[in-house]
């Protein structure tokens, strides 16, 4: 357990990426393999869970809903859609897509399926995953990530990736006892490795999540916030984590992350409250945990940050709530 009680700015390990990946883990995975016949295209609906695709053989293109550009994918490429946004994966752009939910599925073991995407197998083989993080898609950490994370030429940039995927494929093919649990753990390592590879080899963005984890001083502060999301961090406390003055810290944080420390802390706290609401925790209990004097003051702050009152989530715990709907509720 990390101790944040002292004022030392060097309480956390020097690798903030490890700390942030420790806070971002998989709580569940549903894994499938598909061998589509040419021509093929699949439309994946928006969902709370993240999705990933690995092109084991053949090639494909991917396009997010509402965007015009297609991303080219070849054998050995993997792609992660961290917030589960709606998208199409196809052999080529002009193929009419079939909704993913129309495909039949044959259960291989717990959480693992063969996807009946076509009646005749083709040359392409794709592994698909539906990944539930312990954080919801509106959490600030996931919001800082790009819409799509890709890792091309995985064998060159991260030699462990092909071995992980081969191990996952073997677990599916052998159908051994405990294969579902092993696949979930392999997928957890795979996602962390993909995120790390993207950080190390992705484009050189000047702000946002990648800039934050590439900056040890800001990354250390983000790690502290995410390790204790219920704590009402002050700017002075966070500045001490960085080892900087309040003004210097605030300016540095805003430049790298893209928003003020107070705004970021407020979003982390309210998204933690949203998770508690989805678990069935009473509003009064959450208000007390977060240090509010009254339930009403917490509810006002929650609606200001999230865009909807706490009751909106208490009554819809099992239903996917689109981001656009939340924005409209503000």
Protein backbone atom coordinates (compact mmCIF):
# COMPACT_ATOMS: atom_id res chain seq x y z
CA UNK A 1 0.00 0.00 0.00
CA UNK A 2 1.40 3.39 -0.99
CA UNK A 3 1.63 5.98 1.77
CA UNK A 4 0.65 9.52 0.75
CA UNK A 5 0.80 10.98 4.26
CA UNK A 6 4.15 12.77 3.99
CA UNK A 7 4.95 15.84 1.97
CA UNK A 8 7.72 14.26 -0.07
CA UNK A 9 7.26 14.74 -3.83
CA UNK A 10 8.95 11.37 -4.41
CA UNK A 11 6.52 9.01 -2.67
CA UNK A 12 5.48 7.22 -5.85
CA UNK A 13 7.61 4.97 -8.05
CA UNK A 14 9.48 6.78 -10.82
CA UNK A 15 7.42 5.01 -13.52
CA UNK A 16 4.00 6.72 -13.61
CA UNK A 17 2.91 4.57 -16.56
CA UNK A 18 3.15 1.46 -14.39
CA UNK A 19 1.06 3.14 -11.71
CA UNK A 20 -1.57 4.28 -14.20
CA UNK A 21 -1.74 0.85 -15.82
CA UNK A 22 -2.15 -0.65 -12.37
CA UNK A 23 -5.20 1.57 -11.93
CA UNK A 24 -6.55 0.61 -15.37
CA UNK A 25 -7.22 -3.13 -15.43
CA UNK A 26 -9.66 -5.52 -17.02
CA UNK A 27 -12.61 -6.74 -14.96
CA UNK A 28 -13.90 -9.01 -17.73
CA UNK A 29 -13.26 -10.11 -21.28
CA UNK A 30 -15.33 -11.76 -24.00
CA UNK A 31 -13.18 -13.13 -26.74
CA UNK A 32 -14.07 -14.44 -30.20
CA UNK A 33 -12.47 -15.59 -33.43
CA UNK A 34 -13.89 -15.01 -36.88
CA UNK A 35 -12.94 -16.40 -40.31
CA UNK A 36 -15.06 -14.35 -42.74
CA UNK A 37 -15.63 -15.18 -46.41
CA UNK A 38 -14.89 -12.47 -48.99
CA UNK A 39 -16.39 -9.90 -49.32
CA UNK A 40 -17.12 -9.05 -45.68
CA UNK A 41 -17.79 -6.10 -43.37
CA UNK A 42 -19.00 -5.96 -39.77
CA UNK A 43 -20.58 -3.04 -37.91
CA UNK A 44 -19.83 -2.98 -34.17
CA UNK A 45 -22.29 -0.92 -32.08
CA UNK A 46 -21.25 1.55 -29.38
CA UNK A 47 -20.91 -0.05 -25.95
CA UNK A 48 -19.53 0.59 -22.47
CA UNK A 49 -16.78 -2.01 -22.92
CA UNK A 50 -13.67 -1.42 -25.02
CA UNK A 51 -13.10 -3.50 -28.15
CA UNK A 52 -9.95 -4.81 -29.70
CA UNK A 53 -9.22 -6.54 -33.00
CA UNK A 54 -6.17 -8.52 -34.03
CA UNK A 55 -5.67 -9.39 -37.69
CA UNK A 56 -4.00 -12.78 -37.51
CA UNK A 57 -4.10 -13.33 -41.29
CA UNK A 58 -5.34 -11.38 -44.30
CA UNK A 59 -6.08 -7.64 -44.12
CA UNK A 60 -8.86 -5.25 -43.14
CA UNK A 61 -9.90 -1.62 -42.85
CA UNK A 62 -11.53 0.12 -39.88
CA UNK A 63 -13.60 3.30 -39.69
CA UNK A 64 -15.18 4.96 -36.66
CA UNK A 65 -18.81 6.03 -36.96
CA UNK A 66 -19.05 9.64 -38.06
CA UNK A 67 -15.57 9.70 -39.58
CA UNK A 68 -14.65 9.41 -43.25
CA UNK A 69 -11.11 8.03 -43.11
CA UNK A 70 -10.43 4.29 -43.15
CA UNK A 71 -7.56 2.83 -41.16
CA UNK A 72 -5.58 0.17 -43.04
CA UNK A 73 -4.81 -3.02 -41.09
CA UNK A 74 -2.62 -5.89 -42.22
CA UNK A 75 -1.69 -9.28 -40.79
CA UNK A 76 -0.01 -8.79 -37.41
CA UNK A 77 -1.75 -5.48 -36.65
CA UNK A 78 -3.90 -4.92 -33.59
CA UNK A 79 -6.27 -2.08 -32.78
CA UNK A 80 -7.94 -1.00 -29.53
CA UNK A 81 -11.09 1.15 -29.38
CA UNK A 82 -10.77 2.10 -25.67
CA UNK A 83 -14.20 3.70 -25.21
CA UNK A 84 -16.15 1.18 -27.29
CA UNK A 85 -17.22 3.72 -29.94
CA UNK A 86 -19.27 2.42 -32.86
CA UNK A 87 -17.13 1.35 -35.82
CA UNK A 88 -16.93 -0.85 -38.91
CA UNK A 89 -14.27 -3.43 -39.69
CA UNK A 90 -14.30 -4.57 -43.33
CA UNK A 91 -12.34 -6.27 -46.07
CA UNK A 92 -12.51 -3.00 -48.03
CA UNK A 93 -14.56 0.22 -47.68
CA UNK A 94 -17.38 -0.40 -50.18
CA UNK A 95 -18.74 -3.62 -48.62
CA UNK A 96 -22.16 -3.12 -46.91
CA UNK A 97 -21.61 -3.97 -43.22
CA UNK A 98 -23.54 -6.63 -41.32
CA UNK A 99 -24.37 -5.75 -37.68
CA UNK A 100 -22.23 -7.77 -35.30
CA UNK A 101 -25.26 -8.79 -33.23
CA UNK A 102 -26.67 -10.72 -36.21
CA UNK A 103 -23.84 -13.21 -36.18
CA UNK A 104 -24.35 -16.51 -34.44
CA UNK A 105 -21.89 -17.64 -31.79
CA UNK A 106 -20.75 -21.05 -30.65
CA UNK A 107 -19.44 -21.13 -27.09
CA UNK A 108 -16.01 -22.70 -26.76
CA UNK A 109 -15.54 -22.05 -23.04
CA UNK A 110 -16.48 -19.36 -20.51
CA UNK A 111 -16.26 -15.99 -22.26
CA UNK A 112 -14.81 -17.44 -25.48
CA UNK A 113 -16.76 -17.95 -28.71
CA UNK A 114 -16.43 -18.87 -32.33
CA UNK A 115 -18.22 -16.10 -34.24
CA UNK A 116 -20.29 -17.38 -37.17
CA UNK A 117 -19.55 -14.38 -39.36
CA UNK A 118 -19.96 -16.26 -42.67
CA UNK A 119 -20.91 -19.77 -43.74
CA UNK A 120 -17.66 -20.32 -45.67
CA UNK A 121 -14.28 -19.62 -44.06
CA UNK A 122 -12.06 -17.16 -45.89
CA UNK A 123 -8.37 -16.34 -45.89
CA UNK A 124 -8.76 -13.68 -43.18
CA UNK A 125 -8.77 -14.62 -39.50
CA UNK A 126 -9.57 -11.99 -36.88
CA UNK A 127 -9.57 -12.18 -33.09
CA UNK A 128 -12.10 -9.83 -31.46
CA UNK A 129 -12.32 -8.88 -27.82
CA UNK A 130 -14.93 -7.04 -25.78
CA UNK A 131 -13.06 -5.74 -22.76
CA UNK A 132 -14.60 -4.34 -19.58
CA UNK A 133 -12.21 -2.03 -17.75
CA UNK A 134 -12.61 -1.30 -14.05
CA UNK A 135 -13.14 2.34 -15.15
CA UNK A 136 -16.16 3.36 -17.22
CA UNK A 137 -15.80 4.94 -20.67
CA UNK A 138 -16.48 8.47 -19.35
CA UNK A 139 -13.66 8.31 -16.79
CA UNK A 140 -11.06 11.06 -17.38
CA UNK A 141 -8.26 8.52 -17.88
CA UNK A 142 -10.12 6.82 -20.73
CA UNK A 143 -11.28 10.17 -22.12
CA UNK A 144 -7.64 11.24 -22.43
CA UNK A 145 -6.90 8.29 -24.70
CA UNK A 146 -7.32 8.60 -28.48
CA UNK A 147 -10.43 7.25 -30.21
CA UNK A 148 -8.41 4.39 -31.69
CA UNK A 149 -5.06 2.97 -30.58
CA UNK A 150 -3.16 0.93 -33.17
CA UNK A 151 0.06 -1.00 -33.03
CA UNK A 152 1.50 -1.86 -36.41
CA UNK A 153 4.32 -4.30 -37.10
CA UNK A 154 3.95 -5.64 -33.58
CA UNK A 155 6.82 -8.11 -33.91
CA UNK A 156 9.24 -5.21 -34.51
CA UNK A 157 7.97 -2.76 -31.89
CA UNK A 158 7.02 -5.24 -29.16
CA UNK A 159 8.23 -8.83 -29.64
CA UNK A 160 6.05 -10.16 -26.79
CA UNK A 161 2.77 -9.32 -28.54
CA UNK A 162 2.80 -12.17 -31.11
CA UNK A 163 3.66 -14.65 -28.35
CA UNK A 164 0.74 -13.44 -26.24
CA UNK A 165 -1.64 -13.74 -29.18
CA UNK A 166 -0.32 -17.19 -30.08
CA UNK A 167 -0.88 -18.26 -26.48
CA UNK A 168 -4.46 -16.93 -26.62
CA UNK A 169 -5.11 -18.80 -29.86
CA UNK A 170 -3.76 -22.02 -28.38
CA UNK A 171 -6.02 -21.69 -25.34
CA UNK A 172 -9.03 -21.34 -27.64
CA UNK A 173 -8.04 -24.28 -29.85
CA UNK A 174 -7.25 -26.67 -27.00
CA UNK A 175 -10.44 -25.92 -24.99
CA UNK A 176 -8.77 -26.94 -21.74
CA UNK A 177 -10.12 -26.54 -18.22
CA UNK A 178 -9.68 -22.94 -17.04
CA UNK A 179 -9.06 -21.60 -20.55
CA UNK A 180 -11.46 -18.68 -20.03
CA UNK A 181 -9.62 -17.43 -16.97
CA UNK A 182 -6.23 -17.78 -18.64
CA UNK A 183 -7.50 -15.89 -21.70
CA UNK A 184 -8.75 -13.06 -19.49
CA UNK A 185 -5.32 -12.73 -17.87
CA UNK A 186 -3.53 -12.88 -21.21
CA UNK A 187 -5.84 -10.18 -22.55
CA UNK A 188 -5.08 -8.03 -19.49
CA UNK A 189 -1.35 -8.24 -20.25
CA UNK A 190 -2.01 -7.69 -23.95
CA UNK A 191 -3.96 -4.46 -23.35
CA UNK A 192 -1.33 -3.08 -20.97
CA UNK A 193 1.38 -3.93 -23.50
CA UNK A 194 -0.57 -2.29 -26.32
CA UNK A 195 -0.98 0.89 -24.28
CA UNK A 196 2.70 0.90 -23.38
CA UNK A 197 3.71 0.29 -27.01
CA UNK A 198 1.45 3.11 -28.16
CA UNK A 199 2.98 5.46 -25.59
CA UNK A 200 6.50 4.52 -26.64
CA UNK A 201 5.99 4.40 -30.41
CA UNK A 202 2.92 6.57 -31.02
CA UNK A 203 2.90 9.99 -32.58
CA UNK A 204 4.47 12.79 -30.56
CA UNK A 205 1.40 14.57 -29.22
CA UNK A 206 2.13 17.67 -27.17
CA UNK A 207 -0.74 17.31 -24.68
CA UNK A 208 -3.16 14.74 -23.35
CA UNK A 209 -2.56 11.29 -21.92
CA UNK A 210 0.52 10.38 -23.95
CA UNK A 211 2.25 13.64 -23.05
CA UNK A 212 1.31 13.14 -19.39
CA UNK A 213 2.78 9.66 -19.07
CA UNK A 214 5.87 10.75 -20.99
CA UNK A 215 6.36 13.51 -18.41
CA UNK A 216 7.53 11.96 -15.10
CA UNK A 217 6.53 15.01 -13.06
CA UNK A 218 2.94 15.23 -14.33
CA UNK A 219 2.63 11.45 -14.59
CA UNK A 220 3.51 11.14 -10.92
CA UNK A 221 0.69 13.53 -10.04
CA UNK A 222 -1.83 11.69 -12.24
CA UNK A 223 -0.82 8.39 -10.66
CA UNK A 224 -1.46 9.82 -7.18
CA UNK A 225 -4.90 11.13 -8.21
CA UNK A 226 -5.96 7.82 -9.74
CA UNK A 227 -4.67 5.75 -6.84
CA UNK A 228 -6.86 7.77 -4.44
CA UNK A 229 -9.82 9.02 -6.51
CA UNK A 230 -11.98 9.66 -3.43
CA UNK A 231 -9.45 12.10 -1.96
CA UNK A 232 -10.22 15.79 -2.36
CA UNK A 233 -6.76 16.76 -3.58
CA UNK A 234 -5.80 20.41 -3.16
CA UNK A 235 -3.56 22.21 -5.62
CA UNK A 236 -0.97 22.60 -2.86
CA UNK A 237 -0.93 18.84 -2.16
CA UNK A 238 -0.54 18.03 -5.85
CA UNK A 239 2.19 20.64 -6.24
CA UNK A 240 4.10 18.90 -3.44
CA UNK A 241 3.78 15.60 -5.33
CA UNK A 242 5.51 17.27 -8.27
CA UNK A 243 7.96 19.18 -6.09
CA UNK A 244 6.99 22.55 -7.57
CA UNK A 245 5.38 25.81 -6.52
CA UNK A 246 1.57 26.04 -6.78
CA UNK A 247 1.69 28.41 -9.74
CA UNK A 248 4.42 26.48 -11.53
CA UNK A 249 2.60 23.19 -10.98
CA UNK A 250 -0.78 24.52 -12.15
CA UNK A 251 0.70 25.97 -15.33
CA UNK A 252 2.66 22.78 -16.11
CA UNK A 253 -0.31 20.49 -15.43
CA UNK A 254 -2.72 22.51 -17.59
CA UNK A 255 -0.23 22.67 -20.46
CA UNK A 256 0.35 18.89 -20.49
CA UNK A 257 -3.09 17.53 -19.54
CA UNK A 258 -5.20 20.19 -21.23
CA UNK A 259 -7.25 21.29 -18.17
CA UNK A 260 -6.68 22.69 -14.70
CA UNK A 261 -5.75 20.40 -11.78
CA UNK A 262 -8.95 21.29 -9.92
CA UNK A 263 -11.11 20.41 -12.92
CA UNK A 264 -9.32 17.11 -13.46
CA UNK A 265 -9.58 16.11 -9.78
CA UNK A 266 -13.28 17.00 -9.78
CA UNK A 267 -13.90 14.82 -12.83
CA UNK A 268 -12.02 11.87 -11.34
CA UNK A 269 -13.99 12.13 -8.09
CA UNK A 270 -17.37 12.38 -9.79
CA UNK A 271 -16.64 9.49 -12.12
CA UNK A 272 -15.71 7.44 -9.07
CA UNK A 273 -19.08 8.48 -7.65
CA UNK A 274 -20.71 7.33 -10.88
CA UNK A 275 -19.16 3.87 -10.45
CA UNK A 276 -20.44 3.70 -6.88
CA UNK A 277 -23.93 4.67 -8.07
CA UNK A 278 -23.87 1.89 -10.67
CA UNK A 279 -22.93 -0.54 -7.90
CA UNK A 280 -26.04 0.52 -5.95
CA UNK A 281 -24.40 2.71 -3.27
CA UNK A 282 -26.78 5.26 -1.77
CA UNK A 283 -26.28 8.92 -2.68
CA UNK A 284 -26.01 9.91 0.98
CA UNK A 285 -23.18 7.40 1.50
CA UNK A 286 -21.30 8.66 -1.55
CA UNK A 287 -21.71 12.28 -0.47
CA UNK A 288 -20.22 11.40 2.92
CA UNK A 289 -17.32 9.46 1.35
CA UNK A 290 -16.42 12.47 -0.78
CA UNK A 291 -16.64 14.90 2.13
CA UNK A 292 -19.83 16.79 1.22
CA UNK A 293 -21.87 18.31 4.06
CA UNK A 294 -25.19 17.49 2.40
CA UNK A 295 -26.56 15.16 -0.25
CA UNK A 296 -27.96 18.13 -2.18
CA UNK A 297 -24.59 19.85 -2.54
CA UNK A 298 -23.03 16.60 -3.81
CA UNK A 299 -25.87 16.13 -6.30
CA UNK A 300 -25.37 19.65 -7.67
CA UNK A 301 -21.64 19.09 -8.08
CA UNK A 302 -22.24 15.70 -9.69
CA UNK A 303 -24.65 17.11 -12.26
CA UNK A 304 -22.30 20.02 -13.02
CA UNK A 305 -19.41 17.64 -13.79
CA UNK A 306 -21.17 14.60 -15.29
CA UNK A 307 -24.04 16.38 -17.03
CA UNK A 308 -26.86 14.41 -15.39
CA UNK A 309 -28.12 13.96 -11.81
CA UNK A 310 -27.19 10.90 -9.71
CA UNK A 311 -30.69 9.46 -10.17
CA UNK A 312 -29.99 9.17 -13.91
CA UNK A 313 -27.44 6.44 -13.21
CA UNK A 314 -29.21 4.75 -10.31
CA UNK A 315 -32.12 3.87 -12.63
CA UNK A 316 -30.03 2.81 -15.64
CA UNK A 317 -27.22 0.71 -14.24
CA UNK A 318 -27.44 -1.97 -16.93
CA UNK A 319 -28.08 0.29 -19.89
CA UNK A 320 -25.49 1.87 -22.18
CA UNK A 321 -25.80 5.67 -21.98
CA UNK A 322 -24.37 7.43 -25.07
CA UNK A 323 -22.07 10.37 -24.43
CA UNK A 324 -24.27 12.58 -26.62
CA UNK A 325 -27.25 11.90 -24.34
CA UNK A 326 -25.28 12.92 -21.27
CA UNK A 327 -24.17 16.11 -22.96
CA UNK A 328 -27.78 16.89 -23.89
CA UNK A 329 -28.80 16.40 -20.26
CA UNK A 330 -26.42 19.08 -19.05
